[in-house]
């Protein structure tokens, strides 16, 4: 809110979107890896 002109620009919004997608993939890796014993 206070510095929207610095960290809420279209470029940053795209960065947040990409980061969010990558993190969701990590949650899937964590879930399926734990359920099926693929990952320690």
ModelCIF file with pLDDT and N, C-alpha, C, O atoms, coordinates in Angstrom:
data_MODEL
#
_entry.id   MODEL 
#
_entity.id                         1 
_entity.type                       polymer 
_entity.pdbx_number_of_molecules   1 
#
_entity_poly.entity_id                      1 
_entity_poly.type                           'polypeptide(L)' 
_entity_poly.nstd_linkage                   no 
_entity_poly.nstd_monomer                   no 
_entity_poly.pdbx_seq_one_letter_code       
;(UNK)(UNK)(UNK)(UNK)(UNK)(UNK)(UNK)(UNK)(UNK)(UNK)(UNK)(UNK)(UNK)(UNK)(UNK)(UNK)
(UNK)(UNK)(UNK)(UNK)(UNK)(UNK)(UNK)(UNK)(UNK)(UNK)(UNK)(UNK)(UNK)(UNK)(UNK)(UNK)
(UNK)(UNK)(UNK)(UNK)(UNK)(UNK)(UNK)(UNK)
;
_entity_poly.pdbx_seq_one_letter_code_can   XXXXXXXXXXXXXXXXXXXXXXXXXXXXXXXXXXXXXXXX 
_entity_poly.pdbx_strand_id                 A 
#
loop_
_entity_poly_seq.entity_id 
_entity_poly_seq.num 
_entity_poly_seq.mon_id 
_entity_poly_seq.hetero 
1 1  UNK n 
1 2  UNK n 
1 3  UNK n 
1 4  UNK n 
1 5  UNK n 
1 6  UNK n 
1 7  UNK n 
1 8  UNK n 
1 9  UNK n 
1 10 UNK n 
1 11 UNK n 
1 12 UNK n 
1 13 UNK n 
1 14 UNK n 
1 15 UNK n 
1 16 UNK n 
1 17 UNK n 
1 18 UNK n 
1 19 UNK n 
1 20 UNK n 
1 21 UNK n 
1 22 UNK n 
1 23 UNK n 
1 24 UNK n 
1 25 UNK n 
1 26 UNK n 
1 27 UNK n 
1 28 UNK n 
1 29 UNK n 
1 30 UNK n 
1 31 UNK n 
1 32 UNK n 
1 33 UNK n 
1 34 UNK n 
1 35 UNK n 
1 36 UNK n 
1 37 UNK n 
1 38 UNK n 
1 39 UNK n 
1 40 UNK n 
#
_struct_asym.id          A 
_struct_asym.entity_id   1 
#
loop_
_ma_qa_metric.id 
_ma_qa_metric.mode 
_ma_qa_metric.name 
_ma_qa_metric.software_group_id 
_ma_qa_metric.type 
1 global pLDDT . pLDDT 
2 local  pLDDT . pLDDT 
#
_ma_qa_metric_global.metric_id      1 
_ma_qa_metric_global.metric_value   83.55 
_ma_qa_metric_global.model_id       1 
_ma_qa_metric_global.ordinal_id     1 
#
loop_
_ma_qa_metric_local.label_asym_id 
_ma_qa_metric_local.label_comp_id 
_ma_qa_metric_local.label_seq_id 
_ma_qa_metric_local.metric_id 
_ma_qa_metric_local.metric_value 
_ma_qa_metric_local.model_id 
_ma_qa_metric_local.ordinal_id 
A UNK 1  2 94.00 1 1  
A UNK 2  2 95.00 1 2  
A UNK 3  2 94.00 1 3  
A UNK 4  2 91.00 1 4  
A UNK 5  2 90.00 1 5  
A UNK 6  2 91.00 1 6  
A UNK 7  2 91.00 1 7  
A UNK 8  2 86.00 1 8  
A UNK 9  2 87.00 1 9  
A UNK 10 2 88.00 1 10 
A UNK 11 2 89.00 1 11 
A UNK 12 2 90.00 1 12 
A UNK 13 2 89.00 1 13 
A UNK 14 2 91.00 1 14 
A UNK 15 2 92.00 1 15 
A UNK 16 2 90.00 1 16 
A UNK 17 2 90.00 1 17 
A UNK 18 2 92.00 1 18 
A UNK 19 2 89.00 1 19 
A UNK 20 2 85.00 1 20 
A UNK 21 2 88.00 1 21 
A UNK 22 2 87.00 1 22 
A UNK 23 2 81.00 1 23 
A UNK 24 2 81.00 1 24 
A UNK 25 2 85.00 1 25 
A UNK 26 2 81.00 1 26 
A UNK 27 2 79.00 1 27 
A UNK 28 2 81.00 1 28 
A UNK 29 2 81.00 1 29 
A UNK 30 2 75.00 1 30 
A UNK 31 2 76.00 1 31 
A UNK 32 2 78.00 1 32 
A UNK 33 2 76.00 1 33 
A UNK 34 2 72.00 1 34 
A UNK 35 2 73.00 1 35 
A UNK 36 2 73.00 1 36 
A UNK 37 2 70.00 1 37 
A UNK 38 2 74.00 1 38 
A UNK 39 2 65.00 1 39 
A UNK 40 2 62.00 1 40 
#
loop_
_atom_site.group_PDB 
_atom_site.id 
_atom_site.type_symbol 
_atom_site.label_atom_id 
_atom_site.label_alt_id 
_atom_site.label_comp_id 
_atom_site.label_asym_id 
_atom_site.label_entity_id 
_atom_site.label_seq_id 
_atom_site.pdbx_PDB_ins_code 
_atom_site.Cartn_x 
_atom_site.Cartn_y 
_atom_site.Cartn_z 
_atom_site.occupancy 
_atom_site.B_iso_or_equiv 
_atom_site.pdbx_formal_charge 
_atom_site.auth_seq_id 
_atom_site.auth_comp_id 
_atom_site.auth_asym_id 
_atom_site.auth_atom_id 
_atom_site.pdbx_PDB_model_num 
ATOM 1   N N  . UNK A 1 1  ? 0.822  -1.206  0.000   1.00 94.00 ? 1  UNK A N  1 
ATOM 2   C CA . UNK A 1 1  ? 0.000  0.000   0.000   1.00 94.00 ? 1  UNK A CA 1 
ATOM 3   C C  . UNK A 1 1  ? 0.867  1.271   0.000   1.00 94.00 ? 1  UNK A C  1 
ATOM 4   O O  . UNK A 1 1  ? 0.626  2.193   -0.779  1.00 94.00 ? 1  UNK A O  1 
ATOM 5   N N  . UNK A 1 2  ? 1.855  1.307   0.863   1.00 95.00 ? 2  UNK A N  1 
ATOM 6   C CA . UNK A 1 2  ? 2.636  2.524   1.066   1.00 95.00 ? 2  UNK A CA 1 
ATOM 7   C C  . UNK A 1 2  ? 3.577  2.805   -0.104  1.00 95.00 ? 2  UNK A C  1 
ATOM 8   O O  . UNK A 1 2  ? 3.849  3.963   -0.423  1.00 95.00 ? 2  UNK A O  1 
ATOM 9   N N  . UNK A 1 3  ? 4.068  1.753   -0.735  1.00 94.00 ? 3  UNK A N  1 
ATOM 10  C CA . UNK A 1 3  ? 5.041  1.912   -1.824  1.00 94.00 ? 3  UNK A CA 1 
ATOM 11  C C  . UNK A 1 3  ? 4.585  1.147   -3.062  1.00 94.00 ? 3  UNK A C  1 
ATOM 12  O O  . UNK A 1 3  ? 5.379  0.471   -3.716  1.00 94.00 ? 3  UNK A O  1 
ATOM 13  N N  . UNK A 1 4  ? 3.304  1.264   -3.372  1.00 91.00 ? 4  UNK A N  1 
ATOM 14  C CA . UNK A 1 4  ? 2.745  0.554   -4.518  1.00 91.00 ? 4  UNK A CA 1 
ATOM 15  C C  . UNK A 1 4  ? 3.453  0.944   -5.811  1.00 91.00 ? 4  UNK A C  1 
ATOM 16  O O  . UNK A 1 4  ? 3.575  0.128   -6.724  1.00 91.00 ? 4  UNK A O  1 
ATOM 17  N N  . UNK A 1 5  ? 3.913  2.175   -5.888  1.00 90.00 ? 5  UNK A N  1 
ATOM 18  C CA . UNK A 1 5  ? 4.586  2.631   -7.103  1.00 90.00 ? 5  UNK A CA 1 
ATOM 19  C C  . UNK A 1 5  ? 5.939  1.953   -7.302  1.00 90.00 ? 5  UNK A C  1 
ATOM 20  O O  . UNK A 1 5  ? 6.535  2.040   -8.376  1.00 90.00 ? 5  UNK A O  1 
ATOM 21  N N  . UNK A 1 6  ? 6.421  1.274   -6.251  1.00 91.00 ? 6  UNK A N  1 
ATOM 22  C CA . UNK A 1 6  ? 7.715  0.602   -6.348  1.00 91.00 ? 6  UNK A CA 1 
ATOM 23  C C  . UNK A 1 6  ? 7.583  -0.918  -6.456  1.00 91.00 ? 6  UNK A C  1 
ATOM 24  O O  . UNK A 1 6  ? 8.328  -1.554  -7.201  1.00 91.00 ? 6  UNK A O  1 
ATOM 25  N N  . UNK A 1 7  ? 6.643  -1.497  -5.720  1.00 91.00 ? 7  UNK A N  1 
ATOM 26  C CA . UNK A 1 7  ? 6.570  -2.969  -5.666  1.00 91.00 ? 7  UNK A CA 1 
ATOM 27  C C  . UNK A 1 7  ? 5.218  -3.523  -6.118  1.00 91.00 ? 7  UNK A C  1 
ATOM 28  O O  . UNK A 1 7  ? 4.942  -4.707  -5.923  1.00 91.00 ? 7  UNK A O  1 
ATOM 29  N N  . UNK A 1 8  ? 4.388  -2.694  -6.710  1.00 86.00 ? 8  UNK A N  1 
ATOM 30  C CA . UNK A 1 8  ? 3.113  -3.177  -7.252  1.00 86.00 ? 8  UNK A CA 1 
ATOM 31  C C  . UNK A 1 8  ? 2.966  -2.752  -8.707  1.00 86.00 ? 8  UNK A C  1 
ATOM 32  O O  . UNK A 1 8  ? 1.855  -2.553  -9.198  1.00 86.00 ? 8  UNK A O  1 
ATOM 33  N N  . UNK A 1 9  ? 4.096  -2.616  -9.386  1.00 87.00 ? 9  UNK A N  1 
ATOM 34  C CA . UNK A 1 9  ? 4.096  -2.260  -10.798 1.00 87.00 ? 9  UNK A CA 1 
ATOM 35  C C  . UNK A 1 9  ? 3.795  -3.512  -11.633 1.00 87.00 ? 9  UNK A C  1 
ATOM 36  O O  . UNK A 1 9  ? 3.901  -4.629  -11.126 1.00 87.00 ? 9  UNK A O  1 
ATOM 37  N N  . UNK A 1 10 ? 3.421  -3.335  -12.911 1.00 88.00 ? 10 UNK A N  1 
ATOM 38  C CA . UNK A 1 10 ? 3.140  -4.512  -13.756 1.00 88.00 ? 10 UNK A CA 1 
ATOM 39  C C  . UNK A 1 10 ? 4.297  -5.514  -13.796 1.00 88.00 ? 10 UNK A C  1 
ATOM 40  O O  . UNK A 1 10 ? 4.067  -6.723  -13.817 1.00 88.00 ? 10 UNK A O  1 
ATOM 41  N N  . UNK A 1 11 ? 5.529  -5.025  -13.808 1.00 89.00 ? 11 UNK A N  1 
ATOM 42  C CA . UNK A 1 11 ? 6.673  -5.941  -13.834 1.00 89.00 ? 11 UNK A CA 1 
ATOM 43  C C  . UNK A 1 11 ? 6.717  -6.793  -12.574 1.00 89.00 ? 11 UNK A C  1 
ATOM 44  O O  . UNK A 1 11 ? 6.944  -8.002  -12.637 1.00 89.00 ? 11 UNK A O  1 
ATOM 45  N N  . UNK A 1 12 ? 6.498  -6.156  -11.434 1.00 90.00 ? 12 UNK A N  1 
ATOM 46  C CA . UNK A 1 12 ? 6.512  -6.895  -10.180 1.00 90.00 ? 12 UNK A CA 1 
ATOM 47  C C  . UNK A 1 12 ? 5.330  -7.858  -10.099 1.00 90.00 ? 12 UNK A C  1 
ATOM 48  O O  . UNK A 1 12 ? 5.458  -8.965  -9.575  1.00 90.00 ? 12 UNK A O  1 
ATOM 49  N N  . UNK A 1 13 ? 4.187  -7.435  -10.615 1.00 89.00 ? 13 UNK A N  1 
ATOM 50  C CA . UNK A 1 13 ? 3.020  -8.308  -10.588 1.00 89.00 ? 13 UNK A CA 1 
ATOM 51  C C  . UNK A 1 13 ? 3.277  -9.589  -11.385 1.00 89.00 ? 13 UNK A C  1 
ATOM 52  O O  . UNK A 1 13 ? 2.864  -10.673 -10.972 1.00 89.00 ? 13 UNK A O  1 
ATOM 53  N N  . UNK A 1 14 ? 3.953  -9.463  -12.517 1.00 91.00 ? 14 UNK A N  1 
ATOM 54  C CA . UNK A 1 14 ? 4.315  -10.641 -13.293 1.00 91.00 ? 14 UNK A CA 1 
ATOM 55  C C  . UNK A 1 14 ? 5.281  -11.529 -12.513 1.00 91.00 ? 14 UNK A C  1 
ATOM 56  O O  . UNK A 1 14 ? 5.184  -12.755 -12.557 1.00 91.00 ? 14 UNK A O  1 
ATOM 57  N N  . UNK A 1 15 ? 6.208  -10.899 -11.803 1.00 92.00 ? 15 UNK A N  1 
ATOM 58  C CA . UNK A 1 15 ? 7.155  -11.645 -10.968 1.00 92.00 ? 15 UNK A CA 1 
ATOM 59  C C  . UNK A 1 15 ? 6.416  -12.420 -9.880  1.00 92.00 ? 15 UNK A C  1 
ATOM 60  O O  . UNK A 1 15 ? 6.730  -13.582 -9.620  1.00 92.00 ? 15 UNK A O  1 
ATOM 61  N N  . UNK A 1 16 ? 5.437  -11.778 -9.244  1.00 90.00 ? 16 UNK A N  1 
ATOM 62  C CA . UNK A 1 16 ? 4.667  -12.454 -8.199  1.00 90.00 ? 16 UNK A CA 1 
ATOM 63  C C  . UNK A 1 16 ? 3.886  -13.629 -8.784  1.00 90.00 ? 16 UNK A C  1 
ATOM 64  O O  . UNK A 1 16 ? 3.789  -14.686 -8.161  1.00 90.00 ? 16 UNK A O  1 
ATOM 65  N N  . UNK A 1 17 ? 3.331  -13.443 -9.978  1.00 90.00 ? 17 UNK A N  1 
ATOM 66  C CA . UNK A 1 17 ? 2.547  -14.498 -10.616 1.00 90.00 ? 17 UNK A CA 1 
ATOM 67  C C  . UNK A 1 17 ? 3.424  -15.713 -10.926 1.00 90.00 ? 17 UNK A C  1 
ATOM 68  O O  . UNK A 1 17 ? 3.042  -16.848 -10.641 1.00 90.00 ? 17 UNK A O  1 
ATOM 69  N N  . UNK A 1 18 ? 4.591  -15.471 -11.506 1.00 92.00 ? 18 UNK A N  1 
ATOM 70  C CA . UNK A 1 18 ? 5.502  -16.567 -11.837 1.00 92.00 ? 18 UNK A CA 1 
ATOM 71  C C  . UNK A 1 18 ? 5.966  -17.269 -10.564 1.00 92.00 ? 18 UNK A C  1 
ATOM 72  O O  . UNK A 1 18 ? 6.009  -18.498 -10.503 1.00 92.00 ? 18 UNK A O  1 
ATOM 73  N N  . UNK A 1 19 ? 6.312  -16.479 -9.552  1.00 89.00 ? 19 UNK A N  1 
ATOM 74  C CA . UNK A 1 19 ? 6.739  -17.060 -8.282  1.00 89.00 ? 19 UNK A CA 1 
ATOM 75  C C  . UNK A 1 19 ? 5.641  -17.899 -7.650  1.00 89.00 ? 19 UNK A C  1 
ATOM 76  O O  . UNK A 1 19 ? 5.909  -18.964 -7.095  1.00 89.00 ? 19 UNK A O  1 
ATOM 77  N N  . UNK A 1 20 ? 4.410  -17.420 -7.733  1.00 85.00 ? 20 UNK A N  1 
ATOM 78  C CA . UNK A 1 20 ? 3.275  -18.144 -7.172  1.00 85.00 ? 20 UNK A CA 1 
ATOM 79  C C  . UNK A 1 20 ? 3.104  -19.496 -7.861  1.00 85.00 ? 20 UNK A C  1 
ATOM 80  O O  . UNK A 1 20 ? 2.878  -20.510 -7.200  1.00 85.00 ? 20 UNK A O  1 
ATOM 81  N N  . UNK A 1 21 ? 3.212  -19.508 -9.195  1.00 88.00 ? 21 UNK A N  1 
ATOM 82  C CA . UNK A 1 21 ? 3.076  -20.756 -9.949  1.00 88.00 ? 21 UNK A CA 1 
ATOM 83  C C  . UNK A 1 21 ? 4.181  -21.737 -9.575  1.00 88.00 ? 21 UNK A C  1 
ATOM 84  O O  . UNK A 1 21 ? 3.917  -22.922 -9.372  1.00 88.00 ? 21 UNK A O  1 
ATOM 85  N N  . UNK A 1 22 ? 5.415  -21.251 -9.484  1.00 87.00 ? 22 UNK A N  1 
ATOM 86  C CA . UNK A 1 22 ? 6.533  -22.116 -9.104  1.00 87.00 ? 22 UNK A CA 1 
ATOM 87  C C  . UNK A 1 22 ? 6.317  -22.699 -7.716  1.00 87.00 ? 22 UNK A C  1 
ATOM 88  O O  . UNK A 1 22 ? 6.575  -23.880 -7.484  1.00 87.00 ? 22 UNK A O  1 
ATOM 89  N N  . UNK A 1 23 ? 5.841  -21.863 -6.792  1.00 81.00 ? 23 UNK A N  1 
ATOM 90  C CA . UNK A 1 23 ? 5.626  -22.328 -5.424  1.00 81.00 ? 23 UNK A CA 1 
ATOM 91  C C  . UNK A 1 23 ? 4.506  -23.362 -5.360  1.00 81.00 ? 23 UNK A C  1 
ATOM 92  O O  . UNK A 1 23 ? 4.581  -24.309 -4.578  1.00 81.00 ? 23 UNK A O  1 
ATOM 93  N N  . UNK A 1 24 ? 3.466  -23.186 -6.178  1.00 81.00 ? 24 UNK A N  1 
ATOM 94  C CA . UNK A 1 24 ? 2.408  -24.190 -6.220  1.00 81.00 ? 24 UNK A CA 1 
ATOM 95  C C  . UNK A 1 24 ? 2.949  -25.532 -6.716  1.00 81.00 ? 24 UNK A C  1 
ATOM 96  O O  . UNK A 1 24 ? 2.537  -26.592 -6.242  1.00 81.00 ? 24 UNK A O  1 
ATOM 97  N N  . UNK A 1 25 ? 3.870  -25.474 -7.670  1.00 85.00 ? 25 UNK A N  1 
ATOM 98  C CA . UNK A 1 25 ? 4.502  -26.705 -8.135  1.00 85.00 ? 25 UNK A CA 1 
ATOM 99  C C  . UNK A 1 25 ? 5.288  -27.365 -7.008  1.00 85.00 ? 25 UNK A C  1 
ATOM 100 O O  . UNK A 1 25 ? 5.301  -28.590 -6.892  1.00 85.00 ? 25 UNK A O  1 
ATOM 101 N N  . UNK A 1 26 ? 5.942  -26.557 -6.179  1.00 81.00 ? 26 UNK A N  1 
ATOM 102 C CA . UNK A 1 26 ? 6.685  -27.104 -5.047  1.00 81.00 ? 26 UNK A CA 1 
ATOM 103 C C  . UNK A 1 26 ? 5.757  -27.794 -4.062  1.00 81.00 ? 26 UNK A C  1 
ATOM 104 O O  . UNK A 1 26 ? 6.107  -28.832 -3.501  1.00 81.00 ? 26 UNK A O  1 
ATOM 105 N N  . UNK A 1 27 ? 4.576  -27.226 -3.848  1.00 79.00 ? 27 UNK A N  1 
ATOM 106 C CA . UNK A 1 27 ? 3.625  -27.865 -2.934  1.00 79.00 ? 27 UNK A CA 1 
ATOM 107 C C  . UNK A 1 27 ? 3.164  -29.214 -3.489  1.00 79.00 ? 27 UNK A C  1 
ATOM 108 O O  . UNK A 1 27 ? 2.932  -30.157 -2.733  1.00 79.00 ? 27 UNK A O  1 
ATOM 109 N N  . UNK A 1 28 ? 3.034  -29.296 -4.826  1.00 81.00 ? 28 UNK A N  1 
ATOM 110 C CA . UNK A 1 28 ? 2.650  -30.572 -5.425  1.00 81.00 ? 28 UNK A CA 1 
ATOM 111 C C  . UNK A 1 28 ? 3.766  -31.607 -5.249  1.00 81.00 ? 28 UNK A C  1 
ATOM 112 O O  . UNK A 1 28 ? 3.506  -32.774 -4.958  1.00 81.00 ? 28 UNK A O  1 
ATOM 113 N N  . UNK A 1 29 ? 5.013  -31.157 -5.430  1.00 81.00 ? 29 UNK A N  1 
ATOM 114 C CA . UNK A 1 29 ? 6.154  -32.051 -5.240  1.00 81.00 ? 29 UNK A CA 1 
ATOM 115 C C  . UNK A 1 29 ? 6.190  -32.565 -3.805  1.00 81.00 ? 29 UNK A C  1 
ATOM 116 O O  . UNK A 1 29 ? 6.410  -33.751 -3.560  1.00 81.00 ? 29 UNK A O  1 
ATOM 117 N N  . UNK A 1 30 ? 5.970  -31.653 -2.864  1.00 75.00 ? 30 UNK A N  1 
ATOM 118 C CA . UNK A 1 30 ? 5.989  -32.033 -1.458  1.00 75.00 ? 30 UNK A CA 1 
ATOM 119 C C  . UNK A 1 30 ? 4.878  -33.025 -1.160  1.00 75.00 ? 30 UNK A C  1 
ATOM 120 O O  . UNK A 1 30 ? 5.100  -34.011 -0.456  1.00 75.00 ? 30 UNK A O  1 
ATOM 121 N N  . UNK A 1 31 ? 3.682  -32.777 -1.689  1.00 76.00 ? 31 UNK A N  1 
ATOM 122 C CA . UNK A 1 31 ? 2.529  -33.632 -1.407  1.00 76.00 ? 31 UNK A CA 1 
ATOM 123 C C  . UNK A 1 31 ? 2.721  -35.040 -1.970  1.00 76.00 ? 31 UNK A C  1 
ATOM 124 O O  . UNK A 1 31 ? 2.671  -36.023 -1.231  1.00 76.00 ? 31 UNK A O  1 
ATOM 125 N N  . UNK A 1 32 ? 2.940  -35.127 -3.274  1.00 78.00 ? 32 UNK A N  1 
ATOM 126 C CA . UNK A 1 32 ? 3.033  -36.438 -3.906  1.00 78.00 ? 32 UNK A CA 1 
ATOM 127 C C  . UNK A 1 32 ? 4.300  -37.181 -3.485  1.00 78.00 ? 32 UNK A C  1 
ATOM 128 O O  . UNK A 1 32 ? 4.299  -38.407 -3.373  1.00 78.00 ? 32 UNK A O  1 
ATOM 129 N N  . UNK A 1 33 ? 5.376  -36.434 -3.254  1.00 76.00 ? 33 UNK A N  1 
ATOM 130 C CA . UNK A 1 33 ? 6.594  -37.067 -2.789  1.00 76.00 ? 33 UNK A CA 1 
ATOM 131 C C  . UNK A 1 33 ? 6.431  -37.708 -1.430  1.00 76.00 ? 33 UNK A C  1 
ATOM 132 O O  . UNK A 1 33 ? 6.999  -38.766 -1.161  1.00 76.00 ? 33 UNK A O  1 
ATOM 133 N N  . UNK A 1 34 ? 5.643  -37.058 -0.558  1.00 72.00 ? 34 UNK A N  1 
ATOM 134 C CA . UNK A 1 34 ? 5.427  -37.597 0.789   1.00 72.00 ? 34 UNK A CA 1 
ATOM 135 C C  . UNK A 1 34 ? 4.429  -38.748 0.768   1.00 72.00 ? 34 UNK A C  1 
ATOM 136 O O  . UNK A 1 34 ? 4.629  -39.762 1.437   1.00 72.00 ? 34 UNK A O  1 
ATOM 137 N N  . UNK A 1 35 ? 3.347  -38.589 -0.008  1.00 73.00 ? 35 UNK A N  1 
ATOM 138 C CA . UNK A 1 35 ? 2.302  -39.614 -0.042  1.00 73.00 ? 35 UNK A CA 1 
ATOM 139 C C  . UNK A 1 35 ? 2.818  -40.918 -0.641  1.00 73.00 ? 35 UNK A C  1 
ATOM 140 O O  . UNK A 1 35 ? 2.500  -42.000 -0.148  1.00 73.00 ? 35 UNK A O  1 
ATOM 141 N N  . UNK A 1 36 ? 3.608  -40.816 -1.699  1.00 73.00 ? 36 UNK A N  1 
ATOM 142 C CA . UNK A 1 36 ? 4.065  -42.018 -2.392  1.00 73.00 ? 36 UNK A CA 1 
ATOM 143 C C  . UNK A 1 36 ? 5.481  -42.432 -2.003  1.00 73.00 ? 36 UNK A C  1 
ATOM 144 O O  . UNK A 1 36 ? 6.044  -43.355 -2.592  1.00 73.00 ? 36 UNK A O  1 
ATOM 145 N N  . UNK A 1 37 ? 6.049  -41.760 -1.023  1.00 70.00 ? 37 UNK A N  1 
ATOM 146 C CA . UNK A 1 37 ? 7.358  -42.147 -0.527  1.00 70.00 ? 37 UNK A CA 1 
ATOM 147 C C  . UNK A 1 37 ? 8.480  -41.938 -1.521  1.00 70.00 ? 37 UNK A C  1 
ATOM 148 O O  . UNK A 1 37 ? 9.517  -42.597 -1.434  1.00 70.00 ? 37 UNK A O  1 
ATOM 149 N N  . UNK A 1 38 ? 8.287  -41.027 -2.470  1.00 74.00 ? 38 UNK A N  1 
ATOM 150 C CA . UNK A 1 38 ? 9.310  -40.768 -3.477  1.00 74.00 ? 38 UNK A CA 1 
ATOM 151 C C  . UNK A 1 38 ? 10.451 -39.947 -2.895  1.00 74.00 ? 38 UNK A C  1 
ATOM 152 O O  . UNK A 1 38 ? 11.619 -40.158 -3.219  1.00 74.00 ? 38 UNK A O  1 
ATOM 153 N N  . UNK A 1 39 ? 10.087 -39.011 -2.034  1.00 65.00 ? 39 UNK A N  1 
ATOM 154 C CA . UNK A 1 39 ? 11.074 -38.115 -1.444  1.00 65.00 ? 39 UNK A CA 1 
ATOM 155 C C  . UNK A 1 39 ? 11.229 -38.427 0.040   1.00 65.00 ? 39 UNK A C  1 
ATOM 156 O O  . UNK A 1 39 ? 10.278 -38.878 0.678   1.00 65.00 ? 39 UNK A O  1 
ATOM 157 N N  . UNK A 1 40 ? 12.412 -38.193 0.592   1.00 62.00 ? 40 UNK A N  1 
ATOM 158 C CA . UNK A 1 40 ? 12.609 -38.411 2.030   1.00 62.00 ? 40 UNK A CA 1 
ATOM 159 C C  . UNK A 1 40 ? 11.812 -37.407 2.848   1.00 62.00 ? 40 UNK A C  1 
ATOM 160 O O  . UNK A 1 40 ? 11.856 -37.439 4.078   1.00 62.00 ? 40 UNK A O  1 
#
